[in-house]
N, C-alpha and C. Protein backbone atom coordinates (compact mmCIF):
# COMPACT_ATOMS: atom_id res chain seq x y z
N MET A 1 62.91 41.62 152.79
CA MET A 1 63.22 41.10 151.45
C MET A 1 62.00 40.33 150.92
N ARG A 2 61.63 40.60 149.68
CA ARG A 2 60.45 39.97 149.11
C ARG A 2 60.73 38.51 148.76
N SER A 3 59.72 37.68 148.98
CA SER A 3 59.82 36.27 148.65
C SER A 3 59.85 36.08 147.14
N ARG A 4 60.57 35.05 146.69
CA ARG A 4 60.57 34.69 145.27
C ARG A 4 59.40 33.78 144.94
N SER A 5 58.53 33.53 145.91
CA SER A 5 57.35 32.72 145.66
C SER A 5 56.35 33.50 144.81
N THR A 6 55.48 32.78 144.16
CA THR A 6 54.44 33.42 143.35
C THR A 6 53.23 33.75 144.23
N PRO A 7 52.32 34.60 143.76
CA PRO A 7 51.12 34.89 144.54
C PRO A 7 50.31 33.65 144.91
N ILE A 8 50.21 32.70 143.97
CA ILE A 8 49.47 31.47 144.30
C ILE A 8 50.18 30.71 145.40
N GLN A 9 51.51 30.65 145.35
CA GLN A 9 52.24 29.93 146.39
C GLN A 9 52.15 30.61 147.75
N THR A 10 52.08 31.93 147.77
CA THR A 10 51.97 32.63 149.05
C THR A 10 50.55 32.64 149.60
N ASN A 11 49.56 32.47 148.73
CA ASN A 11 48.17 32.49 149.19
C ASN A 11 47.61 31.12 149.53
N TYR A 12 48.22 30.07 148.97
CA TYR A 12 47.72 28.73 149.22
C TYR A 12 48.85 27.86 149.75
N PRO A 13 48.61 27.12 150.82
CA PRO A 13 49.67 26.30 151.42
C PRO A 13 50.03 25.12 150.53
N ILE A 14 51.17 24.48 150.83
CA ILE A 14 51.53 23.25 150.13
C ILE A 14 50.43 22.23 150.35
N PRO A 15 49.83 21.70 149.29
CA PRO A 15 48.67 20.82 149.46
C PRO A 15 49.05 19.40 149.86
N GLU A 16 48.08 18.72 150.37
CA GLU A 16 48.21 17.29 150.63
C GLU A 16 48.29 16.55 149.30
N ASP A 17 48.91 15.37 149.31
CA ASP A 17 48.98 14.55 148.11
C ASP A 17 47.58 14.35 147.53
N PHE A 18 47.46 14.61 146.22
CA PHE A 18 46.17 14.54 145.54
C PHE A 18 45.53 13.17 145.72
N VAL A 19 46.31 12.11 145.60
CA VAL A 19 45.76 10.75 145.66
C VAL A 19 45.18 10.47 147.05
N LYS A 20 45.89 10.85 148.09
CA LYS A 20 45.37 10.65 149.46
C LYS A 20 44.07 11.43 149.66
N LEU A 21 44.05 12.66 149.18
CA LEU A 21 42.86 13.49 149.32
C LEU A 21 41.69 12.88 148.55
N ALA A 22 41.94 12.45 147.32
CA ALA A 22 40.88 11.89 146.49
C ALA A 22 40.31 10.61 147.10
N LYS A 23 41.16 9.80 147.71
CA LYS A 23 40.70 8.53 148.27
C LYS A 23 39.89 8.73 149.54
N ARG A 24 39.95 9.90 150.13
CA ARG A 24 39.05 10.18 151.24
C ARG A 24 37.62 10.40 150.73
N TRP A 25 37.53 10.89 149.49
CA TRP A 25 36.22 11.01 148.86
C TRP A 25 35.69 9.63 148.51
N HIS A 26 36.56 8.80 147.91
CA HIS A 26 36.16 7.44 147.54
C HIS A 26 37.43 6.60 147.45
N PRO A 27 37.44 5.39 148.04
CA PRO A 27 38.65 4.54 147.98
C PRO A 27 39.14 4.26 146.57
N ASP A 28 38.21 4.24 145.61
CA ASP A 28 38.56 3.97 144.21
C ASP A 28 38.56 5.24 143.37
N ALA A 29 38.91 6.36 143.99
CA ALA A 29 38.80 7.65 143.31
C ALA A 29 39.60 7.71 142.01
N ILE A 30 40.84 7.23 142.03
CA ILE A 30 41.67 7.31 140.82
C ILE A 30 41.08 6.45 139.72
N ASP A 31 40.53 5.29 140.08
CA ASP A 31 39.88 4.44 139.08
C ASP A 31 38.67 5.16 138.48
N ILE A 32 37.93 5.87 139.31
CA ILE A 32 36.75 6.58 138.82
C ILE A 32 37.16 7.68 137.85
N LEU A 33 38.19 8.46 138.22
CA LEU A 33 38.63 9.55 137.35
C LEU A 33 39.19 9.02 136.03
N LEU A 34 40.01 7.97 136.10
CA LEU A 34 40.54 7.41 134.86
C LEU A 34 39.45 6.72 134.04
N GLY A 35 38.41 6.26 134.72
CA GLY A 35 37.25 5.72 134.01
C GLY A 35 36.58 6.77 133.15
N TYR A 36 36.54 8.02 133.64
CA TYR A 36 35.99 9.10 132.83
C TYR A 36 36.83 9.32 131.57
N VAL A 37 38.14 9.16 131.71
CA VAL A 37 39.02 9.30 130.54
C VAL A 37 38.68 8.23 129.50
N TRP A 38 38.56 6.99 129.95
CA TRP A 38 38.23 5.93 129.02
C TRP A 38 36.85 6.14 128.39
N GLN A 39 35.90 6.62 129.18
CA GLN A 39 34.57 6.90 128.62
C GLN A 39 34.63 8.00 127.57
N GLY A 40 35.52 8.97 127.79
CA GLY A 40 35.71 10.02 126.79
C GLY A 40 36.20 9.45 125.47
N PHE A 41 37.17 8.52 125.53
CA PHE A 41 37.66 7.90 124.30
C PHE A 41 36.61 6.99 123.68
N ASP A 42 35.81 6.33 124.51
CA ASP A 42 34.71 5.51 123.98
C ASP A 42 33.75 6.38 123.16
N LYS A 43 33.49 7.58 123.67
CA LYS A 43 32.58 8.49 122.97
C LYS A 43 33.17 8.90 121.62
N LEU A 44 34.49 9.19 121.59
CA LEU A 44 35.13 9.54 120.32
C LEU A 44 35.03 8.37 119.34
N GLU A 45 35.15 7.15 119.85
CA GLU A 45 35.04 5.99 118.97
C GLU A 45 33.65 5.87 118.39
N THR A 46 32.62 6.11 119.19
CA THR A 46 31.26 6.03 118.67
C THR A 46 30.97 7.13 117.65
N GLU A 47 31.70 8.24 117.80
CA GLU A 47 31.56 9.34 116.85
C GLU A 47 32.43 9.15 115.61
N ALA A 48 33.20 8.02 115.59
CA ALA A 48 34.11 7.74 114.47
C ALA A 48 35.11 8.88 114.27
N PHE A 49 35.67 9.36 115.38
CA PHE A 49 36.66 10.44 115.31
C PHE A 49 37.84 9.97 114.46
N ASP A 50 38.15 10.71 113.41
CA ASP A 50 39.07 10.25 112.36
C ASP A 50 40.26 11.21 112.23
N VAL A 51 41.47 10.67 112.30
CA VAL A 51 42.66 11.49 112.09
C VAL A 51 43.38 11.09 110.81
N SER A 52 42.72 10.28 109.96
CA SER A 52 43.39 9.75 108.77
C SER A 52 43.35 10.68 107.58
N LYS A 53 42.72 11.85 107.71
CA LYS A 53 42.60 12.75 106.57
C LYS A 53 43.54 13.95 106.66
N THR A 54 44.32 14.01 107.71
CA THR A 54 45.23 15.15 107.89
C THR A 54 46.40 14.73 108.76
N GLU A 55 47.51 15.46 108.63
CA GLU A 55 48.67 15.23 109.49
C GLU A 55 48.90 16.40 110.44
N ASP A 56 47.98 17.37 110.44
CA ASP A 56 48.17 18.59 111.22
C ASP A 56 47.45 18.51 112.57
N ASN A 57 48.13 18.97 113.61
CA ASN A 57 47.51 19.16 114.94
C ASN A 57 46.85 17.91 115.49
N ILE A 58 47.39 16.75 115.16
CA ILE A 58 46.74 15.51 115.61
C ILE A 58 46.71 15.42 117.13
N GLU A 59 47.87 15.65 117.75
CA GLU A 59 47.94 15.51 119.21
C GLU A 59 47.02 16.50 119.92
N ASP A 60 47.08 17.76 119.53
CA ASP A 60 46.27 18.79 120.18
C ASP A 60 44.78 18.55 119.97
N ASP A 61 44.41 18.17 118.76
CA ASP A 61 42.99 18.02 118.47
C ASP A 61 42.39 16.79 119.17
N ILE A 62 43.13 15.69 119.20
CA ILE A 62 42.62 14.52 119.94
C ILE A 62 42.44 14.88 121.41
N THR A 63 43.44 15.56 121.97
CA THR A 63 43.39 15.89 123.39
C THR A 63 42.22 16.82 123.71
N TYR A 64 42.01 17.82 122.86
CA TYR A 64 40.90 18.73 123.12
C TYR A 64 39.55 18.02 122.95
N ALA A 65 39.46 17.16 121.94
CA ALA A 65 38.22 16.43 121.71
C ALA A 65 37.90 15.52 122.89
N VAL A 66 38.90 14.81 123.40
CA VAL A 66 38.61 13.91 124.53
C VAL A 66 38.34 14.70 125.80
N TYR A 67 38.99 15.86 125.95
CA TYR A 67 38.66 16.73 127.08
C TYR A 67 37.17 17.08 127.07
N CYS A 68 36.67 17.49 125.91
CA CYS A 68 35.25 17.86 125.81
C CYS A 68 34.35 16.69 126.18
N ARG A 69 34.71 15.50 125.72
CA ARG A 69 33.86 14.33 126.00
C ARG A 69 33.99 13.87 127.46
N ILE A 70 35.16 14.02 128.05
CA ILE A 70 35.29 13.74 129.49
C ILE A 70 34.41 14.70 130.27
N HIS A 71 34.49 15.96 129.91
CA HIS A 71 33.67 16.99 130.57
C HIS A 71 32.19 16.65 130.46
N ASP A 72 31.76 16.20 129.28
CA ASP A 72 30.36 15.84 129.08
C ASP A 72 29.97 14.62 129.92
N THR A 73 30.93 13.71 130.12
CA THR A 73 30.67 12.45 130.80
C THR A 73 30.55 12.62 132.31
N MET A 74 31.34 13.51 132.89
CA MET A 74 31.40 13.64 134.34
C MET A 74 30.09 14.19 134.89
N PRO A 75 29.55 13.56 135.92
CA PRO A 75 28.28 14.05 136.48
C PRO A 75 28.47 15.38 137.22
N PRO A 76 27.49 16.25 137.20
CA PRO A 76 27.60 17.52 137.91
C PRO A 76 27.84 17.35 139.41
N SER A 77 27.44 16.20 139.95
CA SER A 77 27.61 15.96 141.38
C SER A 77 29.03 15.58 141.77
N SER A 78 29.89 15.32 140.77
CA SER A 78 31.26 14.93 141.09
C SER A 78 31.99 16.07 141.79
N PRO A 79 32.76 15.77 142.86
CA PRO A 79 33.54 16.82 143.52
C PRO A 79 34.77 17.23 142.71
N TYR A 80 35.04 16.52 141.63
CA TYR A 80 36.21 16.82 140.80
C TYR A 80 35.78 17.34 139.44
N GLN A 81 36.64 18.10 138.81
CA GLN A 81 36.38 18.61 137.47
C GLN A 81 37.60 18.37 136.60
N VAL A 82 37.36 18.16 135.32
CA VAL A 82 38.46 17.99 134.38
C VAL A 82 38.90 19.38 133.92
N VAL A 83 40.21 19.55 133.77
CA VAL A 83 40.79 20.84 133.41
C VAL A 83 41.61 20.67 132.13
N TYR A 84 41.46 21.62 131.21
CA TYR A 84 42.24 21.59 129.97
C TYR A 84 43.51 22.43 130.15
N GLN A 85 44.64 21.82 129.87
CA GLN A 85 45.96 22.46 129.95
C GLN A 85 46.20 23.18 131.29
N PRO A 86 46.13 22.44 132.39
CA PRO A 86 46.40 23.07 133.69
C PRO A 86 47.87 23.48 133.81
N PRO A 87 48.16 24.67 134.31
CA PRO A 87 49.55 25.08 134.47
C PRO A 87 50.26 24.28 135.55
N GLU A 88 51.50 23.93 135.30
CA GLU A 88 52.35 23.24 136.28
C GLU A 88 53.29 24.29 136.86
N ARG A 89 52.88 24.93 137.93
CA ARG A 89 53.51 26.17 138.39
C ARG A 89 54.71 25.99 139.32
N GLU A 90 54.84 24.83 139.93
CA GLU A 90 55.77 24.73 141.06
C GLU A 90 57.24 24.86 140.67
N ARG A 91 57.59 24.48 139.45
CA ARG A 91 58.99 24.56 139.02
C ARG A 91 59.23 25.66 138.00
N LYS A 92 58.25 26.56 137.84
CA LYS A 92 58.41 27.62 136.84
C LYS A 92 59.49 28.61 137.27
N LYS A 93 60.07 29.28 136.28
CA LYS A 93 61.06 30.31 136.55
C LYS A 93 60.36 31.55 137.13
N PRO A 94 61.10 32.41 137.86
CA PRO A 94 60.47 33.58 138.48
C PRO A 94 59.70 34.45 137.50
N LYS A 95 60.18 34.53 136.27
CA LYS A 95 59.48 35.29 135.25
C LYS A 95 59.11 34.36 134.10
N GLY A 96 58.03 34.71 133.43
CA GLY A 96 57.61 33.89 132.30
C GLY A 96 56.41 33.04 132.66
N GLN A 97 55.83 32.44 131.64
CA GLN A 97 54.63 31.64 131.79
C GLN A 97 54.96 30.24 132.25
N ALA A 98 54.13 29.71 133.13
CA ALA A 98 54.34 28.35 133.63
C ALA A 98 54.06 27.34 132.51
N PRO A 99 54.79 26.23 132.47
CA PRO A 99 54.46 25.17 131.52
C PRO A 99 53.11 24.56 131.86
N SER A 100 52.49 23.94 130.89
CA SER A 100 51.19 23.32 131.11
C SER A 100 51.22 21.87 130.67
N SER A 101 50.59 21.01 131.45
CA SER A 101 50.34 19.66 130.99
C SER A 101 49.08 19.68 130.13
N ASP A 102 48.67 18.53 129.62
CA ASP A 102 47.57 18.53 128.65
C ASP A 102 46.19 18.53 129.31
N LEU A 103 46.02 17.70 130.31
CA LEU A 103 44.75 17.59 131.01
C LEU A 103 45.01 17.40 132.49
N GLY A 104 43.98 17.55 133.28
CA GLY A 104 44.12 17.29 134.71
C GLY A 104 42.76 17.17 135.36
N PHE A 105 42.77 16.66 136.57
CA PHE A 105 41.58 16.67 137.42
C PHE A 105 41.91 17.46 138.68
N ARG A 106 40.99 18.31 139.10
CA ARG A 106 41.18 19.05 140.33
C ARG A 106 39.90 19.02 141.16
N LEU A 107 40.07 19.20 142.47
CA LEU A 107 38.96 19.22 143.39
C LEU A 107 38.24 20.56 143.30
N ARG A 108 36.94 20.53 143.12
CA ARG A 108 36.16 21.77 143.08
C ARG A 108 36.30 22.50 144.42
N GLY A 109 36.71 23.76 144.37
CA GLY A 109 36.87 24.53 145.59
C GLY A 109 38.10 24.17 146.41
N GLY A 110 38.93 23.28 145.88
CA GLY A 110 40.10 22.84 146.62
C GLY A 110 41.32 23.71 146.37
N ASN A 111 42.46 23.27 146.88
CA ASN A 111 43.70 24.00 146.75
C ASN A 111 44.07 24.13 145.26
N ILE A 112 44.25 25.35 144.81
CA ILE A 112 44.54 25.61 143.40
C ILE A 112 45.85 24.97 142.95
N ARG A 113 46.75 24.71 143.87
CA ARG A 113 48.07 24.18 143.50
C ARG A 113 48.04 22.68 143.21
N SER A 114 46.95 22.03 143.48
CA SER A 114 46.91 20.57 143.41
C SER A 114 46.02 20.08 142.28
N HIS A 115 46.53 19.16 141.47
CA HIS A 115 45.71 18.47 140.48
C HIS A 115 46.38 17.17 140.07
N PHE A 116 45.61 16.32 139.42
CA PHE A 116 46.10 15.05 138.87
C PHE A 116 46.48 15.31 137.43
N THR A 117 47.74 15.11 137.10
CA THR A 117 48.27 15.45 135.77
C THR A 117 48.03 14.33 134.76
N ILE A 118 47.62 14.72 133.55
CA ILE A 118 47.51 13.80 132.41
C ILE A 118 48.25 14.44 131.24
N GLU A 119 49.23 13.74 130.71
CA GLU A 119 50.02 14.24 129.59
C GLU A 119 49.84 13.31 128.39
N ALA A 120 49.76 13.87 127.19
CA ALA A 120 49.49 13.09 125.98
C ALA A 120 50.63 13.24 124.97
N LYS A 121 50.87 12.15 124.24
CA LYS A 121 51.87 12.18 123.18
C LYS A 121 51.44 11.28 122.04
N VAL A 122 51.65 11.77 120.82
CA VAL A 122 51.47 10.93 119.64
C VAL A 122 52.64 9.96 119.55
N ILE A 123 52.32 8.71 119.26
CA ILE A 123 53.32 7.67 119.00
C ILE A 123 53.13 7.25 117.54
N PRO A 124 53.97 7.74 116.63
CA PRO A 124 53.71 7.56 115.18
C PRO A 124 53.66 6.10 114.74
N THR A 125 54.59 5.31 115.24
CA THR A 125 54.62 3.88 114.94
C THR A 125 54.83 3.13 116.24
N GLU A 126 54.59 1.85 116.21
CA GLU A 126 54.50 1.09 117.46
C GLU A 126 55.73 1.15 118.36
N ARG A 127 56.91 1.40 117.80
CA ARG A 127 58.13 1.46 118.62
C ARG A 127 58.70 2.87 118.75
N ALA A 128 58.05 3.85 118.19
CA ALA A 128 58.57 5.23 118.21
C ALA A 128 58.10 5.95 119.47
N VAL A 129 58.70 5.55 120.61
CA VAL A 129 58.22 6.03 121.91
C VAL A 129 59.14 7.06 122.55
N SER A 130 60.11 7.58 121.83
CA SER A 130 61.11 8.45 122.45
C SER A 130 60.49 9.71 123.06
N LYS A 131 59.57 10.36 122.37
CA LYS A 131 58.95 11.57 122.91
C LYS A 131 58.06 11.25 124.11
N TYR A 132 57.41 10.14 124.05
CA TYR A 132 56.57 9.68 125.16
C TYR A 132 57.43 9.45 126.41
N ILE A 133 58.54 8.76 126.23
CA ILE A 133 59.45 8.47 127.36
C ILE A 133 60.07 9.75 127.89
N ASN A 134 60.45 10.65 126.99
CA ASN A 134 61.06 11.91 127.42
C ASN A 134 60.11 12.72 128.30
N GLU A 135 58.83 12.68 127.97
CA GLU A 135 57.83 13.39 128.78
C GLU A 135 57.81 12.85 130.21
N ILE A 136 57.91 11.55 130.33
CA ILE A 136 57.91 10.94 131.66
C ILE A 136 59.17 11.31 132.43
N LYS A 137 60.32 11.13 131.80
CA LYS A 137 61.59 11.34 132.49
C LYS A 137 61.86 12.81 132.77
N SER A 138 61.49 13.69 131.85
CA SER A 138 61.83 15.11 131.98
C SER A 138 60.82 15.91 132.79
N ASN A 139 59.63 15.37 132.97
CA ASN A 139 58.59 16.12 133.68
C ASN A 139 58.01 15.37 134.88
N LEU A 140 57.53 14.16 134.67
CA LEU A 140 56.86 13.46 135.76
C LEU A 140 57.82 12.91 136.80
N LEU A 141 58.92 12.31 136.36
CA LEU A 141 59.80 11.64 137.32
C LEU A 141 60.73 12.59 138.07
N ILE A 142 60.71 13.87 137.72
CA ILE A 142 61.48 14.84 138.50
C ILE A 142 60.56 15.81 139.25
N GLY A 143 59.25 15.57 139.15
CA GLY A 143 58.31 16.41 139.88
C GLY A 143 58.05 17.76 139.26
N ARG A 144 58.53 17.98 138.03
CA ARG A 144 58.21 19.24 137.34
C ARG A 144 56.72 19.31 137.06
N TYR A 145 56.15 18.17 136.67
CA TYR A 145 54.71 18.01 136.55
C TYR A 145 54.25 17.09 137.67
N SER A 146 52.97 17.21 138.02
CA SER A 146 52.38 16.34 139.05
C SER A 146 53.12 16.46 140.38
N THR A 147 53.52 17.68 140.71
CA THR A 147 54.33 17.90 141.90
C THR A 147 53.65 17.40 143.17
N PHE A 148 52.35 17.63 143.27
CA PHE A 148 51.63 17.30 144.49
C PHE A 148 50.68 16.12 144.32
N SER A 149 50.99 15.26 143.38
CA SER A 149 50.22 14.03 143.22
C SER A 149 51.17 12.86 143.03
N SER A 150 50.97 11.81 143.76
CA SER A 150 51.84 10.64 143.69
C SER A 150 51.45 9.70 142.55
N GLU A 151 50.46 10.09 141.77
CA GLU A 151 50.11 9.36 140.56
C GLU A 151 49.80 10.36 139.45
N ALA A 152 50.04 9.94 138.22
CA ALA A 152 49.71 10.73 137.04
C ALA A 152 49.48 9.76 135.90
N ALA A 153 49.06 10.29 134.75
CA ALA A 153 48.75 9.41 133.62
C ALA A 153 49.35 9.95 132.34
N MET A 154 49.76 9.03 131.49
CA MET A 154 50.20 9.32 130.13
C MET A 154 49.20 8.72 129.15
N LEU A 155 48.85 9.51 128.14
CA LEU A 155 48.02 9.03 127.04
C LEU A 155 48.90 8.88 125.81
N GLY A 156 48.90 7.71 125.22
CA GLY A 156 49.67 7.48 124.00
C GLY A 156 48.75 7.28 122.82
N TYR A 157 48.81 8.21 121.85
CA TYR A 157 47.99 8.09 120.64
C TYR A 157 48.82 7.37 119.58
N VAL A 158 48.58 6.09 119.43
CA VAL A 158 49.38 5.25 118.54
C VAL A 158 48.74 5.29 117.14
N LEU A 159 49.54 5.70 116.15
CA LEU A 159 49.00 5.91 114.81
C LEU A 159 49.13 4.70 113.90
N SER A 160 49.94 3.72 114.28
CA SER A 160 50.01 2.49 113.51
C SER A 160 50.71 1.42 114.34
N GLY A 161 50.36 0.17 114.04
CA GLY A 161 51.06 -0.93 114.69
C GLY A 161 50.27 -1.58 115.81
N SER A 162 50.98 -2.36 116.62
CA SER A 162 50.40 -3.15 117.69
C SER A 162 50.58 -2.45 119.03
N LEU A 163 49.50 -2.34 119.80
CA LEU A 163 49.61 -1.71 121.11
C LEU A 163 50.43 -2.57 122.07
N SER A 164 50.39 -3.87 121.91
CA SER A 164 51.21 -4.75 122.75
C SER A 164 52.69 -4.49 122.52
N VAL A 165 53.06 -4.30 121.26
CA VAL A 165 54.45 -3.98 120.94
C VAL A 165 54.83 -2.62 121.51
N THR A 166 53.91 -1.66 121.46
CA THR A 166 54.19 -0.34 122.02
C THR A 166 54.41 -0.42 123.52
N PHE A 167 53.61 -1.20 124.22
CA PHE A 167 53.83 -1.38 125.65
C PHE A 167 55.22 -1.97 125.92
N GLU A 168 55.61 -2.92 125.12
CA GLU A 168 56.94 -3.52 125.28
C GLU A 168 58.03 -2.48 125.06
N ALA A 169 57.86 -1.64 124.05
CA ALA A 169 58.86 -0.60 123.76
C ALA A 169 58.93 0.43 124.88
N ILE A 170 57.79 0.78 125.45
CA ILE A 170 57.77 1.71 126.58
C ILE A 170 58.50 1.11 127.77
N SER A 171 58.19 -0.12 128.08
CA SER A 171 58.83 -0.79 129.22
C SER A 171 60.34 -0.86 129.04
N LYS A 172 60.78 -1.21 127.84
CA LYS A 172 62.21 -1.31 127.57
C LYS A 172 62.90 0.05 127.69
N SER A 173 62.32 1.08 127.10
CA SER A 173 62.93 2.41 127.13
C SER A 173 62.89 3.03 128.53
N LEU A 174 61.84 2.74 129.25
CA LEU A 174 61.69 3.28 130.60
C LEU A 174 62.50 2.47 131.61
N GLN A 175 62.93 1.27 131.18
CA GLN A 175 63.65 0.34 132.06
C GLN A 175 62.85 0.05 133.32
N SER A 176 61.58 -0.23 133.08
CA SER A 176 60.66 -0.51 134.17
C SER A 176 59.56 -1.44 133.68
N PRO A 177 59.18 -2.43 134.45
CA PRO A 177 58.07 -3.29 134.02
C PRO A 177 56.76 -2.53 134.02
N LEU A 178 55.89 -2.89 133.10
CA LEU A 178 54.53 -2.36 133.05
C LEU A 178 53.57 -3.46 133.46
N TYR A 179 52.64 -3.12 134.33
CA TYR A 179 51.71 -4.11 134.85
C TYR A 179 50.29 -3.80 134.40
N PRO A 180 49.48 -4.83 134.11
CA PRO A 180 48.07 -4.58 133.80
C PRO A 180 47.39 -3.92 135.00
N TYR A 181 46.54 -2.95 134.73
CA TYR A 181 45.88 -2.24 135.82
C TYR A 181 44.57 -2.95 136.15
N PRO A 182 44.40 -3.43 137.39
CA PRO A 182 43.25 -4.31 137.71
C PRO A 182 41.88 -3.73 137.38
N ALA A 183 41.71 -2.43 137.55
CA ALA A 183 40.39 -1.83 137.32
C ALA A 183 39.99 -1.82 135.85
N PHE A 184 41.00 -1.95 134.96
CA PHE A 184 40.72 -1.85 133.52
C PHE A 184 41.45 -2.98 132.78
N LYS A 185 41.21 -4.20 133.21
CA LYS A 185 41.90 -5.35 132.63
C LYS A 185 41.62 -5.52 131.15
N GLN A 186 40.44 -5.10 130.70
CA GLN A 186 40.06 -5.28 129.31
C GLN A 186 40.49 -4.10 128.44
N ARG A 187 41.15 -3.12 129.05
CA ARG A 187 41.61 -1.94 128.32
C ARG A 187 43.12 -2.04 128.08
N HIS A 188 43.60 -1.18 127.21
CA HIS A 188 45.05 -1.06 126.99
C HIS A 188 45.60 -0.07 128.01
N HIS A 189 45.61 -0.54 129.25
CA HIS A 189 45.95 0.29 130.40
C HIS A 189 46.97 -0.45 131.26
N ARG A 190 48.14 0.13 131.40
CA ARG A 190 49.19 -0.44 132.24
C ARG A 190 49.64 0.62 133.24
N TYR A 191 50.46 0.21 134.18
CA TYR A 191 51.05 1.18 135.11
C TYR A 191 52.47 0.77 135.43
N SER A 192 53.27 1.74 135.83
CA SER A 192 54.64 1.48 136.28
C SER A 192 54.86 2.23 137.58
N ASP A 193 55.64 1.65 138.47
CA ASP A 193 55.93 2.25 139.77
C ASP A 193 57.38 2.72 139.82
N HIS A 194 57.59 3.89 140.41
CA HIS A 194 58.90 4.53 140.40
C HIS A 194 59.18 5.19 141.75
N LYS A 195 60.40 5.64 141.91
CA LYS A 195 60.79 6.52 143.01
C LYS A 195 61.26 7.83 142.39
N ARG A 196 60.91 8.95 143.01
CA ARG A 196 61.32 10.24 142.47
C ARG A 196 61.59 11.23 143.60
N ARG A 197 62.35 12.27 143.26
CA ARG A 197 62.60 13.39 144.17
C ARG A 197 61.87 14.61 143.63
N VAL A 198 60.99 15.20 144.43
CA VAL A 198 60.20 16.32 143.94
C VAL A 198 60.62 17.66 144.53
N ASN A 199 61.61 17.66 145.41
CA ASN A 199 62.07 18.91 145.99
C ASN A 199 63.55 18.79 146.32
N ASN A 200 64.08 19.73 147.06
CA ASN A 200 65.51 19.77 147.34
C ASN A 200 65.91 18.95 148.57
N THR A 201 64.99 18.21 149.16
CA THR A 201 65.32 17.44 150.36
C THR A 201 66.12 16.18 150.04
N GLY A 202 66.02 15.73 148.79
CA GLY A 202 66.70 14.50 148.41
C GLY A 202 65.94 13.25 148.80
N ILE A 203 64.76 13.40 149.38
CA ILE A 203 63.97 12.26 149.83
C ILE A 203 63.26 11.63 148.63
N LEU A 204 63.39 10.32 148.50
CA LEU A 204 62.71 9.59 147.44
C LEU A 204 61.29 9.26 147.86
N THR A 205 60.35 9.50 146.97
CA THR A 205 58.95 9.18 147.25
C THR A 205 58.40 8.30 146.14
N ALA A 206 57.38 7.52 146.48
CA ALA A 206 56.77 6.61 145.52
C ALA A 206 55.93 7.40 144.51
N PHE A 207 55.99 6.94 143.27
CA PHE A 207 55.22 7.59 142.21
C PHE A 207 54.73 6.52 141.24
N ARG A 208 53.46 6.60 140.87
CA ARG A 208 52.88 5.66 139.92
C ARG A 208 52.47 6.40 138.64
N CYS A 209 52.87 5.84 137.51
CA CYS A 209 52.51 6.40 136.21
C CYS A 209 51.58 5.42 135.50
N HIS A 210 50.41 5.91 135.13
CA HIS A 210 49.47 5.12 134.34
C HIS A 210 49.77 5.33 132.86
N HIS A 211 49.64 4.26 132.09
CA HIS A 211 49.90 4.32 130.65
C HIS A 211 48.64 3.85 129.92
N LEU A 212 47.97 4.75 129.22
CA LEU A 212 46.76 4.44 128.47
C LEU A 212 47.08 4.61 126.98
N LEU A 213 46.96 3.53 126.22
CA LEU A 213 47.23 3.59 124.78
C LEU A 213 45.94 3.49 123.99
N ILE A 214 45.83 4.36 122.98
CA ILE A 214 44.65 4.40 122.12
C ILE A 214 45.13 4.36 120.68
N LEU A 215 44.58 3.45 119.90
CA LEU A 215 45.00 3.28 118.50
C LEU A 215 44.17 4.15 117.58
N PHE A 216 44.85 5.03 116.86
CA PHE A 216 44.24 5.81 115.79
C PHE A 216 44.97 5.42 114.50
N HIS A 217 44.47 5.86 113.36
CA HIS A 217 45.13 5.59 112.09
C HIS A 217 45.42 6.91 111.40
N SER A 218 46.70 7.17 111.17
CA SER A 218 47.10 8.44 110.56
C SER A 218 46.99 8.38 109.05
N VAL A 219 47.04 9.55 108.42
CA VAL A 219 46.94 9.62 106.96
C VAL A 219 48.11 8.87 106.31
N SER A 220 49.31 8.95 106.89
CA SER A 220 50.46 8.27 106.28
C SER A 220 50.28 6.77 106.35
N HIS A 221 49.69 6.28 107.45
CA HIS A 221 49.46 4.84 107.57
C HIS A 221 48.39 4.37 106.57
N VAL A 222 47.35 5.17 106.41
CA VAL A 222 46.30 4.81 105.46
C VAL A 222 46.85 4.75 104.05
N LYS A 223 47.72 5.71 103.70
CA LYS A 223 48.30 5.74 102.35
C LYS A 223 49.14 4.50 102.07
N LYS A 224 49.84 4.03 103.08
CA LYS A 224 50.70 2.86 102.89
C LYS A 224 49.90 1.60 102.68
N ASN A 225 48.64 1.61 103.14
CA ASN A 225 47.83 0.41 103.02
C ASN A 225 46.76 0.55 101.93
């Protein structure tokens, strides 16, 4: 009887947790990778990347633009590479295309099944976090995304309001405290710790979600002011 596994699943074994693997390269590996993300947004800021002239494709265009700048920032000597829209294959249906997260980091030459997931969502106003929260609960906290990594990141593109208020709204909706992340104390970077089940064993495992908020100004916000 033929296996219902996919060719990638039959050719590559279940990988080790991405975070454990990355920290063998460097104890601060996750901080280094997320540092590239922040450097990518810094580059967009220096370029005066503007979303105030249109309401179309804001989320996709910001994500692709920061992907390009992260790619430019990462040194060729890095053992990791940034990936645009990596497929999240482990929970896909037997037929059809696998869902994709927005960005990811993977080890060059490493197990194809493993990467660090980064998902992005536009937050139109400071308290409008429902889509952002749904992404966490429906994908990250059930292991549909980031199946083989015990950490992942969310990018929130806030189009108006206070980032502090947005963090409060996320914490309230997620029913979890958000903590300042020590490596980026001067950034709008928080994290939350959770327990999740990623397979049918019922075993709870630790999972950390990073929350990076970036303030943009949308055309509707500019018109109001």
